Amino acid sequence: MSVKSAKKKSPRGRRGMSGESETSTRVCDHEGCQEPGKFRAPKAPDVLDDFYWFCKDHVREYNAQWSFFEGKTEAEMNAQSSADKVWERRTKDWRDPEARAWARLGIEDAHQVLGDNATRNPGKAGKTGGRRLPPTEKRAADILEVREDATKTDVRKAYKALIKVLHPDMNGGDRSQEEQLQLVMWAWDQLKDSRFFK
């Protein structure tokens, strides 16, 4: 015999759509009432699994007067409301052993361990416009000391600043840095028309 068929055969504890216990043999708990007590109502807000059994009229009367927050202060009501928002699951606080362990290291939030990268999407790091620079343009950006997300204006400024430092006409005819100057000029040629720098 399956459990489902056993429940159909044994009507014990069945409830109707109105919450009425169809098989209850109790008498209404309201003083002086002899009607069948087929509707249950919790006895107190703190004890929700202990019930009074009432007839239909008296359960309506009882429910109309019953208040979960009866006898509680406003602070207790606010605390209950806040707890209900997260289904009464506590959030971790400084009393939590894990939080205390981080506090010993001077860290309030475990994400601080990652520093500035804590909230960055690693998939977007080092990309320009959603695409990686080709190797030659990456090398050119390194020579000009510009980041991959720089604009063309930034690239031009970096190029001009390096030319002023490296060009012999600006150094009193000193040609000792001519190789570096050639690299800077090559880098500028690679990046000046690049579609990756806007």
C-alpha atoms as a PDB file:
ATOM      1  CA  MET A   1       0.000   0.000   0.000  1.00  0.00           C
ATOM      2  CA  SER A   2       1.444   3.398  -0.939  1.00  0.00           C
ATOM      3  CA  VAL A   3       1.501   6.361   1.415  1.00  0.00           C
ATOM      4  CA  LYS A   4      -0.795   8.302  -0.888  1.00  0.00           C
ATOM      5  CA  SER A   5      -3.503   5.620  -0.859  1.00  0.00           C
ATOM      6  CA  ALA A   6      -3.113   5.232   2.924  1.00  0.00           C
ATOM      7  CA  LYS A   7      -3.837   8.943   3.371  1.00  0.00           C
ATOM      8  CA  LYS A   8      -6.963   8.645   1.257  1.00  0.00           C
ATOM      9  CA  LYS A   9      -8.242   5.722   3.328  1.00  0.00           C
ATOM     10  CA  SER A  10      -7.371   7.277   6.689  1.00  0.00           C
ATOM     11  CA  PRO A  11      -9.164  10.616   6.969  1.00  0.00           C
ATOM     12  CA  ARG A  12      -7.325  11.480  10.211  1.00  0.00           C
ATOM     13  CA  GLY A  13      -6.285  15.144  10.342  1.00  0.00           C
ATOM     14  CA  ARG A  14      -7.713  16.201   6.979  1.00  0.00           C
ATOM     15  CA  ARG A  15      -8.397  19.895   6.474  1.00  0.00           C
ATOM     16  CA  GLY A  16     -10.885  21.599   4.214  1.00  0.00           C
ATOM     17  CA  MET A  17     -10.209  24.726   2.170  1.00  0.00           C
ATOM     18  CA  SER A  18     -11.300  26.957   5.078  1.00  0.00           C
ATOM     19  CA  GLY A  19      -8.735  25.412   7.455  1.00  0.00           C
ATOM     20  CA  GLU A  20     -11.417  23.377   9.144  1.00  0.00           C
ATOM     21  CA  SER A  21     -10.282  20.044  10.539  1.00  0.00           C
ATOM     22  CA  GLU A  22     -12.996  17.813   9.146  1.00  0.00           C
ATOM     23  CA  THR A  23     -12.321  14.948  11.553  1.00  0.00           C
ATOM     24  CA  SER A  24     -11.863  16.922  14.785  1.00  0.00           C
ATOM     25  CA  THR A  25     -13.854  15.604  17.745  1.00  0.00           C
ATOM     26  CA  ARG A  26     -12.929  18.521  20.035  1.00  0.00           C
ATOM     27  CA  VAL A  27     -15.399  20.918  21.588  1.00  0.00           C
ATOM     28  CA  CYS A  28     -14.934  24.673  21.108  1.00  0.00           C
ATOM     29  CA  ASP A  29     -12.481  26.098  23.687  1.00  0.00           C
ATOM     30  CA  HIS A  30     -14.517  29.296  24.054  1.00  0.00           C
ATOM     31  CA  GLU A  31     -16.127  29.375  27.474  1.00  0.00           C
ATOM     32  CA  GLY A  32     -19.735  28.153  27.394  1.00  0.00           C
ATOM     33  CA  CYS A  33     -19.705  27.048  23.728  1.00  0.00           C
ATOM     34  CA  GLN A  34     -20.622  23.433  22.930  1.00  0.00           C
ATOM     35  CA  GLU A  35     -20.094  23.617  19.139  1.00  0.00           C
ATOM     36  CA  PRO A  36     -17.451  21.331  17.564  1.00  0.00           C
ATOM     37  CA  GLY A  37     -13.960  22.882  17.717  1.00  0.00           C
ATOM     38  CA  LYS A  38     -12.805  22.355  14.145  1.00  0.00           C
ATOM     39  CA  PHE A  39     -10.625  25.479  13.703  1.00  0.00           C
ATOM     40  CA  ARG A  40      -7.293  25.912  15.431  1.00  0.00           C
ATOM     41  CA  ALA A  41      -5.689  29.169  16.545  1.00  0.00           C
ATOM     42  CA  PRO A  42      -2.262  29.683  18.172  1.00  0.00           C
ATOM     43  CA  LYS A  43      -2.302  30.341  21.908  1.00  0.00           C
ATOM     44  CA  ALA A  44       0.507  32.924  21.956  1.00  0.00           C
ATOM     45  CA  PRO A  45       2.908  34.659  19.536  1.00  0.00           C
ATOM     46  CA  ASP A  46       5.876  32.917  21.170  1.00  0.00           C
ATOM     47  CA  VAL A  47       4.277  29.444  21.056  1.00  0.00           C
ATOM     48  CA  LEU A  48       2.955  28.944  17.552  1.00  0.00           C
ATOM     49  CA  ASP A  49       2.625  25.157  17.760  1.00  0.00           C
ATOM     50  CA  ASP A  50       0.169  25.030  20.697  1.00  0.00           C
ATOM     51  CA  PHE A  51      -3.449  25.723  19.711  1.00  0.00           C
ATOM     52  CA  TYR A  52      -6.916  26.541  20.913  1.00  0.00           C
ATOM     53  CA  TRP A  53      -9.710  24.797  19.031  1.00  0.00           C
ATOM     54  CA  PHE A  54     -12.729  26.939  18.222  1.00  0.00           C
ATOM     55  CA  CYS A  55     -15.949  26.787  16.269  1.00  0.00           C
ATOM     56  CA  LYS A  56     -16.158  28.962  13.148  1.00  0.00           C
ATOM     57  CA  ASP A  57     -17.724  32.001  14.886  1.00  0.00           C
ATOM     58  CA  HIS A  58     -15.331  32.004  17.828  1.00  0.00           C
ATOM     59  CA  VAL A  59     -12.180  31.472  15.717  1.00  0.00           C
ATOM     60  CA  ARG A  60     -13.139  34.554  13.687  1.00  0.00           C
ATOM     61  CA  GLU A  61     -13.628  36.553  16.876  1.00  0.00           C
ATOM     62  CA  TYR A  62     -10.330  35.302  18.333  1.00  0.00           C
ATOM     63  CA  ASN A  63      -8.380  36.026  15.143  1.00  0.00           C
ATOM     64  CA  ALA A  64      -9.792  39.538  14.898  1.00  0.00           C
ATOM     65  CA  GLN A  65      -8.423  40.339  18.378  1.00  0.00           C
ATOM     66  CA  TRP A  66      -5.158  38.381  18.181  1.00  0.00           C
ATOM     67  CA  SER A  67      -1.976  40.391  17.564  1.00  0.00           C
ATOM     68  CA  PHE A  68       1.464  38.928  17.060  1.00  0.00           C
ATOM     69  CA  PHE A  69       3.041  42.130  18.427  1.00  0.00           C
ATOM     70  CA  GLU A  70       0.848  42.451  21.521  1.00  0.00           C
ATOM     71  CA  GLY A  71       2.924  43.448  24.555  1.00  0.00           C
ATOM     72  CA  LYS A  72       6.063  44.193  22.493  1.00  0.00           C
ATOM     73  CA  THR A  73       7.898  47.491  22.317  1.00  0.00           C
ATOM     74  CA  GLU A  74       8.418  49.411  19.090  1.00  0.00           C
ATOM     75  CA  ALA A  75      12.102  48.409  19.088  1.00  0.00           C
ATOM     76  CA  GLU A  76      11.135  44.719  19.335  1.00  0.00           C
ATOM     77  CA  MET A  77       8.650  45.136  16.491  1.00  0.00           C
ATOM     78  CA  ASN A  78      11.314  46.812  14.307  1.00  0.00           C
ATOM     79  CA  ALA A  79      13.821  44.081  15.152  1.00  0.00           C
ATOM     80  CA  GLN A  80      11.297  41.385  14.190  1.00  0.00           C
ATOM     81  CA  SER A  81      10.485  43.217  10.964  1.00  0.00           C
ATOM     82  CA  SER A  82      14.193  43.411  10.071  1.00  0.00           C
ATOM     83  CA  ALA A  83      14.688  39.713  10.872  1.00  0.00           C
ATOM     84  CA  ASP A  84      11.676  38.767   8.743  1.00  0.00           C
ATOM     85  CA  LYS A  85      13.195  40.501   5.707  1.00  0.00           C
ATOM     86  CA  VAL A  86      15.957  37.873   5.622  1.00  0.00           C
ATOM     87  CA  TRP A  87      13.846  34.952   6.874  1.00  0.00           C
ATOM     88  CA  GLU A  88      15.356  35.300  10.351  1.00  0.00           C
ATOM     89  CA  ARG A  89      18.847  34.305   9.159  1.00  0.00           C
ATOM     90  CA  ARG A  90      21.564  36.168  11.027  1.00  0.00           C
ATOM     91  CA  THR A  91      24.170  38.021   9.052  1.00  0.00           C
ATOM     92  CA  LYS A  92      27.817  37.669  10.022  1.00  0.00           C
ATOM     93  CA  ASP A  93      29.077  40.332  12.370  1.00  0.00           C
ATOM     94  CA  TRP A  94      32.235  41.045  14.322  1.00  0.00           C
ATOM     95  CA  ARG A  95      31.337  38.397  16.931  1.00  0.00           C
ATOM     96  CA  ASP A  96      31.581  35.751  14.233  1.00  0.00           C
ATOM     97  CA  PRO A  97      34.843  33.722  14.485  1.00  0.00           C
ATOM     98  CA  GLU A  98      35.665  34.292  10.814  1.00  0.00           C
ATOM     99  CA  ALA A  99      35.116  38.034  11.179  1.00  0.00           C
ATOM    100  CA  ARG A 100      37.343  38.086  14.284  1.00  0.00           C
ATOM    101  CA  ALA A 101      40.081  36.281  12.337  1.00  0.00           C
ATOM    102  CA  TRP A 102      39.999  38.964   9.634  1.00  0.00           C
ATOM    103  CA  ALA A 103      39.914  41.689  12.310  1.00  0.00           C
ATOM    104  CA  ARG A 104      43.203  40.386  13.760  1.00  0.00           C
ATOM    105  CA  LEU A 105      44.755  41.160  10.380  1.00  0.00           C
ATOM    106  CA  GLY A 106      43.224  44.636  10.374  1.00  0.00           C
ATOM    107  CA  ILE A 107      40.677  43.732   7.716  1.00  0.00           C
ATOM    108  CA  GLU A 108      37.002  44.557   8.210  1.00  0.00           C
ATOM    109  CA  ASP A 109      35.791  42.934   5.004  1.00  0.00           C
ATOM    110  CA  ALA A 110      37.346  39.839   3.421  1.00  0.00           C
ATOM    111  CA  HIS A 111      37.166  41.547   0.012  1.00  0.00           C
ATOM    112  CA  GLN A 112      39.800  44.041   1.213  1.00  0.00           C
ATOM    113  CA  VAL A 113      42.381  41.287   0.784  1.00  0.00           C
ATOM    114  CA  LEU A 114      42.020  41.735  -2.964  1.00  0.00           C
ATOM    115  CA  GLY A 115      42.499  45.512  -2.732  1.00  0.00           C
ATOM    116  CA  ASP A 116      41.419  47.595  -5.711  1.00  0.00           C
ATOM    117  CA  ASN A 117      40.805  44.465  -7.780  1.00  0.00           C
ATOM    118  CA  ALA A 118      38.083  43.207  -5.412  1.00  0.00           C
ATOM    119  CA  THR A 119      35.211  44.497  -7.498  1.00  0.00           C
ATOM    120  CA  ARG A 120      36.858  44.493 -10.910  1.00  0.00           C
ATOM    121  CA  ASN A 121      35.799  42.040 -13.536  1.00  0.00           C
ATOM    122  CA  PRO A 122      38.990  40.153 -14.397  1.00  0.00           C
ATOM    123  CA  GLY A 123      37.672  39.558 -17.890  1.00  0.00           C
ATOM    124  CA  LYS A 124      37.867  43.269 -18.687  1.00  0.00           C
ATOM    125  CA  ALA A 125      41.339  43.946 -17.304  1.00  0.00           C
ATOM    126  CA  GLY A 126      43.853  45.041 -19.901  1.00  0.00           C
ATOM    127  CA  LYS A 127      41.327  45.435 -22.684  1.00  0.00           C
ATOM    128  CA  THR A 128      40.504  48.386 -24.838  1.00  0.00           C
ATOM    129  CA  GLY A 129      37.037  48.616 -26.258  1.00  0.00           C
ATOM    130  CA  GLY A 130      36.441  44.999 -25.373  1.00  0.00           C
ATOM    131  CA  ARG A 131      39.450  43.740 -27.441  1.00  0.00           C
ATOM    132  CA  ARG A 132      43.104  43.050 -26.663  1.00  0.00           C
ATOM    133  CA  LEU A 133      45.840  45.004 -28.352  1.00  0.00           C
ATOM    134  CA  PRO A 134      47.849  43.140 -30.957  1.00  0.00           C
ATOM    135  CA  PRO A 135      51.386  42.274 -29.778  1.00  0.00           C
ATOM    136  CA  THR A 136      53.106  45.022 -31.823  1.00  0.00           C
ATOM    137  CA  GLU A 137      50.754  47.703 -30.517  1.00  0.00           C
ATOM    138  CA  LYS A 138      51.128  46.390 -26.966  1.00  0.00           C
ATOM    139  CA  ARG A 139      54.909  46.659 -27.275  1.00  0.00           C
ATOM    140  CA  ALA A 140      54.546  50.181 -28.737  1.00  0.00           C
ATOM    141  CA  ALA A 141      52.304  51.185 -25.808  1.00  0.00           C
ATOM    142  CA  ASP A 142      54.937  49.850 -23.383  1.00  0.00           C
ATOM    143  CA  ILE A 143      57.670  51.891 -25.132  1.00  0.00           C
ATOM    144  CA  LEU A 144      55.591  55.069 -24.919  1.00  0.00           C
ATOM    145  CA  GLU A 145      54.609  54.146 -21.349  1.00  0.00           C
ATOM    146  CA  VAL A 146      50.872  54.499 -21.985  1.00  0.00           C
ATOM    147  CA  ARG A 147      48.167  52.206 -20.689  1.00  0.00           C
ATOM    148  CA  GLU A 148      46.157  50.091 -23.080  1.00  0.00           C
ATOM    149  CA  ASP A 149      43.001  52.066 -22.283  1.00  0.00           C
ATOM    150  CA  ALA A 150      44.636  55.427 -23.121  1.00  0.00           C
ATOM    151  CA  THR A 151      43.179  57.772 -25.724  1.00  0.00           C
ATOM    152  CA  LYS A 152      44.976  58.998 -28.865  1.00  0.00           C
ATOM    153  CA  THR A 153      45.497  62.319 -27.091  1.00  0.00           C
ATOM    154  CA  ASP A 154      47.292  60.511 -24.247  1.00  0.00           C
ATOM    155  CA  VAL A 155      49.452  58.642 -26.757  1.00  0.00           C
ATOM    156  CA  ARG A 156      50.359  61.892 -28.569  1.00  0.00           C
ATOM    157  CA  LYS A 157      51.260  63.618 -25.271  1.00  0.00           C
ATOM    158  CA  ALA A 158      53.460  60.696 -24.209  1.00  0.00           C
ATOM    159  CA  TYR A 159      55.177  60.688 -27.623  1.00  0.00           C
ATOM    160  CA  LYS A 160      55.885  64.439 -27.542  1.00  0.00           C
ATOM    161  CA  ALA A 161      57.183  64.273 -23.976  1.00  0.00           C
ATOM    162  CA  LEU A 162      59.641  61.491 -24.887  1.00  0.00           C
ATOM    163  CA  ILE A 163      60.771  63.270 -28.074  1.00  0.00           C
ATOM    164  CA  LYS A 164      61.591  66.383 -26.018  1.00  0.00           C
ATOM    165  CA  VAL A 165      63.763  64.314 -23.723  1.00  0.00           C
ATOM    166  CA  LEU A 166      65.459  62.104 -26.336  1.00  0.00           C
ATOM    167  CA  HIS A 167      65.889  64.273 -29.466  1.00  0.00           C
ATOM    168  CA  PRO A 168      69.467  65.557 -30.023  1.00  0.00           C
ATOM    169  CA  ASP A 169      68.219  69.069 -30.882  1.00  0.00           C
ATOM    170  CA  MET A 170      66.663  69.305 -27.421  1.00  0.00           C
ATOM    171  CA  ASN A 171      69.740  67.789 -25.681  1.00  0.00           C
ATOM    172  CA  GLY A 172      72.417  70.078 -27.038  1.00  0.00           C
ATOM    173  CA  GLY A 173      73.359  67.654 -29.853  1.00  0.00           C
ATOM    174  CA  ASP A 174      73.765  64.598 -27.610  1.00  0.00           C
ATOM    175  CA  ARG A 175      73.211  61.499 -29.775  1.00  0.00           C
ATOM    176  CA  SER A 176      73.705  58.888 -27.029  1.00  0.00           C
ATOM    177  CA  GLN A 177      69.978  58.180 -26.820  1.00  0.00           C
ATOM    178  CA  GLU A 178      69.404  57.828 -30.531  1.00  0.00           C
ATOM    179  CA  GLU A 179      68.380  54.139 -30.315  1.00  0.00           C
ATOM    180  CA  GLN A 180      65.695  54.958 -27.775  1.00  0.00           C
ATOM    181  CA  LEU A 181      64.536  57.819 -29.976  1.00  0.00           C
ATOM    182  CA  GLN A 182      64.183  55.390 -32.900  1.00  0.00           C
ATOM    183  CA  LEU A 183      62.066  53.054 -30.717  1.00  0.00           C
ATOM    184  CA  VAL A 184      59.814  55.943 -29.655  1.00  0.00           C
ATOM    185  CA  MET A 185      59.331  56.992 -33.290  1.00  0.00           C
ATOM    186  CA  TRP A 186      58.562  53.362 -34.266  1.00  0.00           C
ATOM    187  CA  ALA A 187      56.045  53.129 -31.415  1.00  0.00           C
ATOM    188  CA  TRP A 188      54.350  56.342 -32.540  1.00  0.00           C
ATOM    189  CA  ASP A 189      54.055  54.987 -36.088  1.00  0.00           C
ATOM    190  CA  GLN A 190      52.379  51.851 -34.724  1.00  0.00           C
ATOM    191  CA  LEU A 191      49.862  53.686 -32.551  1.00  0.00           C
ATOM    192  CA  LYS A 192      49.019  56.925 -34.378  1.00  0.00           C
ATOM    193  CA  ASP A 193      46.554  55.207 -36.731  1.00  0.00           C
ATOM    194  CA  SER A 194      45.534  52.370 -34.404  1.00  0.00           C
ATOM    195  CA  ARG A 195      41.824  51.638 -34.202  1.00  0.00           C
ATOM    196  CA  PHE A 196      42.226  50.538 -30.577  1.00  0.00           C
ATOM    197  CA  PHE A 197      42.960  54.056 -29.306  1.00  0.00           C
ATOM    198  CA  LYS A 198      40.122  56.506 -29.679  1.00  0.00           C
END
